[in-house]
C-alpha atoms as a PDB file:
ATOM      1  CA  MET A   1     -22.377  38.482-107.221  1.00  0.00           C
ATOM      2  CA  SER A   2     -24.835  40.583-105.248  1.00  0.00           C
ATOM      3  CA  ALA A   3     -27.609  42.384-107.135  1.00  0.00           C
ATOM      4  CA  PRO A   4     -26.295  45.904-106.308  1.00  0.00           C
ATOM      5  CA  LEU A   5     -22.803  44.959-107.469  1.00  0.00           C
ATOM      6  CA  ARG A   6     -24.148  43.446-110.687  1.00  0.00           C
ATOM      7  CA  VAL A   7     -26.076  46.631-111.439  1.00  0.00           C
ATOM      8  CA  ALA A   8     -23.026  48.792-110.694  1.00  0.00           C
ATOM      9  CA  VAL A   9     -20.767  46.698-112.909  1.00  0.00           C
ATOM     10  CA  GLU A  10     -23.174  46.583-115.823  1.00  0.00           C
ATOM     11  CA  ALA A  11     -23.888  50.314-115.573  1.00  0.00           C
ATOM     12  CA  SER A  12     -20.210  51.268-115.721  1.00  0.00           C
ATOM     13  CA  LEU A  13     -18.858  48.480-117.909  1.00  0.00           C
ATOM     14  CA  ALA A  14     -18.478  50.614-121.016  1.00  0.00           C
ATOM     15  CA  ALA A  15     -16.378  53.154-119.169  1.00  0.00           C
ATOM     16  CA  LEU A  16     -14.282  50.494-117.482  1.00  0.00           C
ATOM     17  CA  GLU A  17     -13.526  48.695-120.718  1.00  0.00           C
ATOM     18  CA  LEU A  18     -11.783  51.540-122.462  1.00  0.00           C
ATOM     19  CA  PRO A  19      -9.118  50.117-124.812  1.00  0.00           C
ATOM     20  CA  ILE A  20      -6.381  48.369-122.854  1.00  0.00           C
ATOM     21  CA  LYS A  21      -2.926  49.556-123.859  1.00  0.00           C
ATOM     22  CA  SER A  22      -1.152  47.441-126.470  1.00  0.00           C
ATOM     23  CA  GLY A  23       1.713  46.479-124.174  1.00  0.00           C
ATOM     24  CA  VAL A  24      -0.455  44.076-122.174  1.00  0.00           C
ATOM     25  CA  VAL A  25      -2.730  42.617-124.871  1.00  0.00           C
ATOM     26  CA  ASN A  26      -2.251  40.230-127.755  1.00  0.00           C
ATOM     27  CA  SER A  27      -2.204  41.918-131.154  1.00  0.00           C
ATOM     28  CA  VAL A  28      -4.454  39.103-132.358  1.00  0.00           C
ATOM     29  CA  PRO A  29      -6.901  37.618-129.826  1.00  0.00           C
ATOM     30  CA  LEU A  30      -6.352  33.979-128.898  1.00  0.00           C
ATOM     31  CA  PRO A  31      -8.960  31.419-129.976  1.00  0.00           C
ATOM     32  CA  PRO A  32     -11.982  31.445-127.628  1.00  0.00           C
ATOM     33  CA  LEU A  33     -11.405  29.435-124.471  1.00  0.00           C
ATOM     34  CA  SER A  34     -13.690  26.573-123.567  1.00  0.00           C
ATOM     35  CA  ALA A  35     -15.771  26.867-120.412  1.00  0.00           C
ATOM     36  CA  PRO A  36     -13.386  24.659-118.358  1.00  0.00           C
ATOM     37  CA  GLU A  37     -10.387  26.584-119.713  1.00  0.00           C
ATOM     38  CA  ARG A  38     -11.978  29.904-118.765  1.00  0.00           C
ATOM     39  CA  GLU A  39     -12.765  28.676-115.263  1.00  0.00           C
ATOM     40  CA  ALA A  40      -9.211  27.444-114.811  1.00  0.00           C
ATOM     41  CA  ARG A  41      -7.767  30.713-116.120  1.00  0.00           C
ATOM     42  CA  ILE A  42      -9.971  32.825-113.828  1.00  0.00           C
ATOM     43  CA  ALA A  43      -9.067  30.673-110.830  1.00  0.00           C
ATOM     44  CA  GLU A  44      -5.385  31.070-111.691  1.00  0.00           C
ATOM     45  CA  LEU A  45      -5.689  34.857-111.919  1.00  0.00           C
ATOM     46  CA  LEU A  46      -7.557  35.091-108.626  1.00  0.00           C
ATOM     47  CA  GLN A  47      -5.044  32.878-106.853  1.00  0.00           C
ATOM     48  CA  ALA A  48      -2.032  34.783-108.169  1.00  0.00           C
ATOM     49  CA  HIS A  49      -3.243  38.380-108.108  1.00  0.00           C
ATOM     50  CA  HIS A  50      -6.324  38.935-105.921  1.00  0.00           C
ATOM     51  CA  ALA A  51      -4.403  39.920-102.775  1.00  0.00           C
ATOM     52  CA  SER A  52      -2.182  42.333-104.714  1.00  0.00           C
ATOM     53  CA  VAL A  53      -5.141  43.903-106.546  1.00  0.00           C
ATOM     54  CA  TRP A  54      -7.067  44.293-103.267  1.00  0.00           C
ATOM     55  CA  ARG A  55      -4.188  46.018-101.475  1.00  0.00           C
ATOM     56  CA  THR A  56      -3.437  48.223-104.479  1.00  0.00           C
ATOM     57  CA  LEU A  57      -7.056  49.380-104.661  1.00  0.00           C
ATOM     58  CA  ARG A  58      -6.815  50.340-100.992  1.00  0.00           C
ATOM     59  CA  ARG A  59      -3.609  52.246-101.706  1.00  0.00           C
ATOM     60  CA  PHE A  60      -5.442  54.047-104.513  1.00  0.00           C
ATOM     61  CA  GLY A  61      -8.016  55.287-102.012  1.00  0.00           C
ATOM     62  CA  VAL A  62     -10.825  52.713-102.154  1.00  0.00           C
ATOM     63  CA  SER A  63     -12.338  52.378 -98.676  1.00  0.00           C
ATOM     64  CA  GLU A  64     -12.038  49.078 -96.807  1.00  0.00           C
ATOM     65  CA  ASP A  65     -15.784  48.420 -96.895  1.00  0.00           C
ATOM     66  CA  ARG A  66     -15.788  48.760-100.700  1.00  0.00           C
ATOM     67  CA  ALA A  67     -12.482  47.056-101.493  1.00  0.00           C
ATOM     68  CA  ASP A  68     -13.950  43.561-101.923  1.00  0.00           C
ATOM     69  CA  ASP A  69     -16.526  44.791-104.436  1.00  0.00           C
ATOM     70  CA  ALA A  70     -13.907  46.874-106.242  1.00  0.00           C
ATOM     71  CA  ALA A  71     -11.561  43.891-106.537  1.00  0.00           C
ATOM     72  CA  GLN A  72     -14.425  41.782-107.854  1.00  0.00           C
ATOM     73  CA  GLU A  73     -15.149  44.447-110.472  1.00  0.00           C
ATOM     74  CA  VAL A  74     -11.508  44.344-111.605  1.00  0.00           C
ATOM     75  CA  PHE A  75     -11.685  40.607-112.253  1.00  0.00           C
ATOM     76  CA  ILE A  76     -15.126  40.809-113.857  1.00  0.00           C
ATOM     77  CA  VAL A  77     -13.822  43.302-116.398  1.00  0.00           C
ATOM     78  CA  ALA A  78     -10.613  41.322-116.947  1.00  0.00           C
ATOM     79  CA  THR A  79     -12.311  37.981-117.468  1.00  0.00           C
ATOM     80  CA  ARG A  80     -14.573  39.351-120.174  1.00  0.00           C
ATOM     81  CA  LYS A  81     -11.489  39.645-122.381  1.00  0.00           C
ATOM     82  CA  LEU A  82      -9.319  36.750-121.290  1.00  0.00           C
ATOM     83  CA  GLU A  83      -8.317  35.990-124.870  1.00  0.00           C
ATOM     84  CA  LEU A  84      -6.731  39.437-125.188  1.00  0.00           C
ATOM     85  CA  MET A  85      -4.592  39.214-122.053  1.00  0.00           C
ATOM     86  CA  ARG A  86      -0.950  38.676-122.963  1.00  0.00           C
ATOM     87  CA  THR A  87       0.820  35.912-121.073  1.00  0.00           C
ATOM     88  CA  GLY A  88       3.270  37.404-118.592  1.00  0.00           C
ATOM     89  CA  CYS A  89       1.439  40.752-118.490  1.00  0.00           C
ATOM     90  CA  GLU A  90      -1.471  39.703-116.304  1.00  0.00           C
ATOM     91  CA  ARG A  91      -0.457  41.865-113.337  1.00  0.00           C
ATOM     92  CA  ARG A  92      -0.086  45.031-115.424  1.00  0.00           C
ATOM     93  CA  TYR A  93      -3.376  44.281-117.179  1.00  0.00           C
ATOM     94  CA  LEU A  94      -5.171  43.991-113.855  1.00  0.00           C
ATOM     95  CA  LEU A  95      -3.488  47.087-112.407  1.00  0.00           C
ATOM     96  CA  GLN A  96      -4.566  49.130-115.417  1.00  0.00           C
ATOM     97  CA  ILE A  97      -8.162  48.117-114.744  1.00  0.00           C
ATOM     98  CA  ALA A  98      -7.686  48.735-110.998  1.00  0.00           C
ATOM     99  CA  VAL A  99      -6.643  52.336-111.647  1.00  0.00           C
ATOM    100  CA  ARG A 100      -9.956  52.962-113.422  1.00  0.00           C
ATOM    101  CA  ILE A 101     -12.037  51.102-110.874  1.00  0.00           C
ATOM    102  CA  ALA A 102     -10.443  53.068-108.032  1.00  0.00           C
ATOM    103  CA  ALA A 103     -11.102  56.352-109.825  1.00  0.00           C
ATOM    104  CA  ASN A 104     -14.761  55.383-110.278  1.00  0.00           C
ATOM    105  CA  HIS A 105     -15.092  54.497-106.609  1.00  0.00           C
ATOM    106  CA  ARG A 106     -13.488  57.763-105.496  1.00  0.00           C
ATOM    107  CA  ARG A 107     -15.881  59.716-107.692  1.00  0.00           C
ATOM    108  CA  SER A 108     -18.872  57.813-106.343  1.00  0.00           C
ATOM    109  CA  VAL A 109     -17.874  58.368-102.740  1.00  0.00           C
ATOM    110  CA  ARG A 110     -17.131  62.096-103.235  1.00  0.00           C
ATOM    111  CA  ALA A 111     -15.197  62.108 -99.973  1.00  0.00           C
ATOM    112  CA  ARG A 112     -11.652  61.981 -98.676  1.00  0.00           C
ATOM    113  CA  PRO A 113     -10.313  58.391 -98.621  1.00  0.00           C
ATOM    114  CA  GLU A 114     -10.361  56.924 -95.147  1.00  0.00           C
ATOM    115  CA  SER A 115      -7.295  55.541 -93.402  1.00  0.00           C
ATOM    116  CA  LEU A 116      -6.445  51.989 -94.333  1.00  0.00           C
ATOM    117  CA  ASP A 117      -7.784  49.266 -92.069  1.00  0.00           C
ATOM    118  CA  GLU A 118      -4.577  47.459 -91.253  1.00  0.00           C
ATOM    119  CA  ILE A 119      -6.314  44.402 -89.864  1.00  0.00           C
ATOM    120  CA  ALA A 120      -7.933  43.924 -93.244  1.00  0.00           C
ATOM    121  CA  ILE A 121      -4.628  44.589 -95.001  1.00  0.00           C
ATOM    122  CA  GLU A 122      -2.937  41.871 -92.984  1.00  0.00           C
ATOM    123  CA  HIS A 123      -5.834  39.503 -93.674  1.00  0.00           C
ATOM    124  CA  HIS A 124      -5.030  39.816 -97.384  1.00  0.00           C
ATOM    125  CA  SER A 125      -1.276  39.436 -96.913  1.00  0.00           C
ATOM    126  CA  ASP A 126       0.560  36.866 -99.014  1.00  0.00           C
ATOM    127  CA  SER A 127       2.969  35.980 -96.207  1.00  0.00           C
ATOM    128  CA  THR A 128       2.765  35.058 -92.551  1.00  0.00           C
ATOM    129  CA  PRO A 129       5.695  36.697 -90.717  1.00  0.00           C
ATOM    130  CA  GLY A 130       6.283  36.378 -86.996  1.00  0.00           C
ATOM    131  CA  ALA A 131       4.282  38.414 -84.515  1.00  0.00           C
ATOM    132  CA  ASP A 132       6.979  41.023 -83.853  1.00  0.00           C
ATOM    133  CA  ARG A 133       7.620  41.577 -87.535  1.00  0.00           C
ATOM    134  CA  LEU A 134       3.897  41.659 -88.250  1.00  0.00           C
ATOM    135  CA  LEU A 135       3.356  44.397 -85.683  1.00  0.00           C
ATOM    136  CA  GLU A 136       6.264  46.396 -87.070  1.00  0.00           C
ATOM    137  CA  GLN A 137       4.963  46.029 -90.624  1.00  0.00           C
ATOM    138  CA  LYS A 138       1.535  47.128 -89.466  1.00  0.00           C
ATOM    139  CA  ARG A 139       2.948  50.227 -87.764  1.00  0.00           C
ATOM    140  CA  LEU A 140       5.047  51.166 -90.781  1.00  0.00           C
ATOM    141  CA  ARG A 141       2.141  50.635 -93.171  1.00  0.00           C
ATOM    142  CA  GLN A 142      -0.047  52.848 -91.035  1.00  0.00           C
ATOM    143  CA  LEU A 143       2.553  55.607 -91.253  1.00  0.00           C
ATOM    144  CA  VAL A 144       2.935  55.213 -95.013  1.00  0.00           C
ATOM    145  CA  ASP A 145      -0.812  55.173 -95.577  1.00  0.00           C
ATOM    146  CA  GLU A 146      -1.309  58.223 -93.371  1.00  0.00           C
ATOM    147  CA  VAL A 147       1.178  60.103 -95.545  1.00  0.00           C
ATOM    148  CA  LEU A 148      -0.342  58.901 -98.847  1.00  0.00           C
ATOM    149  CA  SER A 149      -3.906  59.696 -97.795  1.00  0.00           C
ATOM    150  CA  ARG A 150      -3.116  63.419 -97.952  1.00  0.00           C
ATOM    151  CA  TRP A 151      -1.922  63.352-101.568  1.00  0.00           C
ATOM    152  CA  THR A 152      -3.881  63.829-104.772  1.00  0.00           C
ATOM    153  CA  PRO A 153      -5.035  60.606-106.492  1.00  0.00           C
ATOM    154  CA  GLU A 154      -2.689  61.260-109.442  1.00  0.00           C
ATOM    155  CA  LEU A 155       0.364  61.728-107.229  1.00  0.00           C
ATOM    156  CA  ARG A 156      -0.507  58.731-105.071  1.00  0.00           C
ATOM    157  CA  THR A 157      -1.098  56.483-108.088  1.00  0.00           C
ATOM    158  CA  ALA A 158       2.295  57.244-109.633  1.00  0.00           C
ATOM    159  CA  PHE A 159       4.131  56.813-106.317  1.00  0.00           C
ATOM    160  CA  VAL A 160       2.360  53.561-105.382  1.00  0.00           C
ATOM    161  CA  LEU A 161       2.852  51.983-108.808  1.00  0.00           C
ATOM    162  CA  PHE A 162       6.567  52.872-108.876  1.00  0.00           C
ATOM    163  CA  GLU A 163       7.703  52.562-105.264  1.00  0.00           C
ATOM    164  CA  LEU A 164       5.351  49.841-103.975  1.00  0.00           C
ATOM    165  CA  GLU A 165       4.354  47.861-107.074  1.00  0.00           C
ATOM    166  CA  GLY A 166       7.689  48.089-108.887  1.00  0.00           C
ATOM    167  CA  LEU A 167       6.455  49.343-112.271  1.00  0.00           C
ATOM    168  CA  SER A 168       8.747  51.425-114.455  1.00  0.00           C
ATOM    169  CA  VAL A 169       8.036  55.015-115.499  1.00  0.00           C
ATOM    170  CA  PRO A 170       7.156  53.969-119.090  1.00  0.00           C
ATOM    171  CA  GLU A 171       4.832  51.260-117.752  1.00  0.00           C
ATOM    172  CA  ILE A 172       3.078  53.747-115.463  1.00  0.00           C
ATOM    173  CA  ALA A 173       2.769  56.250-118.293  1.00  0.00           C
ATOM    174  CA  GLU A 174       1.194  53.623-120.534  1.00  0.00           C
ATOM    175  CA  LEU A 175      -1.013  52.211-117.796  1.00  0.00           C
ATOM    176  CA  THR A 176      -2.393  55.608-116.743  1.00  0.00           C
ATOM    177  CA  ASP A 177      -2.372  57.189-120.226  1.00  0.00           C
ATOM    178  CA  THR A 178      -0.038  59.915-118.955  1.00  0.00           C
ATOM    179  CA  LYS A 179       3.016  61.522-120.520  1.00  0.00           C
ATOM    180  CA  LEU A 180       6.412  60.241-119.396  1.00  0.00           C
ATOM    181  CA  GLY A 181       7.440  63.685-118.198  1.00  0.00           C
ATOM    182  CA  THR A 182       4.285  64.029-116.135  1.00  0.00           C
ATOM    183  CA  VAL A 183       4.853  60.670-114.444  1.00  0.00           C
ATOM    184  CA  ALA A 184       8.485  61.553-113.721  1.00  0.00           C
ATOM    185  CA  SER A 185       7.416  64.921-112.304  1.00  0.00           C
ATOM    186  CA  ARG A 186       4.827  63.276-110.047  1.00  0.00           C
ATOM    187  CA  LEU A 187       7.422  60.797-108.797  1.00  0.00           C
ATOM    188  CA  ARG A 188       9.871  63.586-107.992  1.00  0.00           C
ATOM    189  CA  GLU A 189       7.157  65.466-106.120  1.00  0.00           C
ATOM    190  CA  GLY A 190       6.043  62.314-104.328  1.00  0.00           C
ATOM    191  CA  ARG A 191       9.563  61.499-103.193  1.00  0.00           C
ATOM    192  CA  LYS A 192      10.058  65.068-102.011  1.00  0.00           C
ATOM    193  CA  LEU A 193       6.835  64.967-100.001  1.00  0.00           C
ATOM    194  CA  PHE A 194       7.603  61.518 -98.644  1.00  0.00           C
ATOM    195  CA  ARG A 195      11.097  62.474 -97.501  1.00  0.00           C
ATOM    196  CA  ALA A 196       9.680  65.547 -95.797  1.00  0.00           C
ATOM    197  CA  ALA A 197       7.042  63.428 -94.068  1.00  0.00           C
ATOM    198  CA  VAL A 198       9.684  60.946 -92.893  1.00  0.00           C
ATOM    199  CA  ALA A 199      11.803  63.806 -91.535  1.00  0.00           C
ATOM    200  CA  ARG A 200       8.818  65.116 -89.578  1.00  0.00           C
ATOM    201  CA  LEU A 201       8.108  61.670 -88.147  1.00  0.00           C
ATOM    202  CA  GLN A 202      11.732  61.258 -87.140  1.00  0.00           C
ATOM    203  CA  ALA A 203      11.759  64.675 -85.505  1.00  0.00           C
ATOM    204  CA  ARG A 204       8.714  63.658 -83.467  1.00  0.00           C
ATOM    205  CA  GLY A 205      10.407  60.419 -82.458  1.00  0.00           C
ATOM    206  CA  VAL A 206       7.717  58.362 -84.197  1.00  0.00           C
ATOM    207  CA  LEU A 207      10.125  56.844 -86.684  1.00  0.00           C
ATOM    208  CA  GLU A 208      13.685  55.684 -86.170  1.00  0.00           C
ATOM    209  CA  GLY A 209      16.401  55.388 -88.765  1.00  0.00           C
ATOM    210  CA  GLY A 210      14.640  55.767 -92.105  1.00  0.00           C
ATOM    211  CA  ALA A 211      11.533  55.602 -94.231  1.00  0.00           C
ATOM    212  CA  PRO A 212       8.874  52.906 -93.718  1.00  0.00           C
END
């Protein structure tokens, strides 16, 4: 870890390690892991979830040049409490941390999130589709990200977690410490805005058939 990143992580660690919601932690911590067990567990988490965490941070408004550091922060915070992480809930645990990390990065930047760098997005892709499909995916992602970049962080977070990450409304409410009704309201507003954006793109001939 670079010196600046280490300083940033240590300085904000208390804020980042607010109590994780009970749905993704063990009620009683597991026995401490040995050093080899911890290394294996961390490697497993990175292999399974790094690409998803990286892309989700970008969707939450973290700039491309800061996404690697932000993803590293997520795993640093997570690995400090490996014994608390409930088996089968690793992705939700990491996403809950990612929401906080992204919020911290947005506050530190104090600027409008930039457009997503699609070359970087593709570099972190879990699959390797054919060239034609890859280009189409890139174009559609650019359109989606252009739409999302104009929304508030709260609206974007709810929409991304539900529509792109597949979390349920109760899971989003728990993860973001938000009331169920508020999450549902944000999703309704997000869908309304997204449909309107798709209609505008279709009217301009940019998009054919349906939503990206």
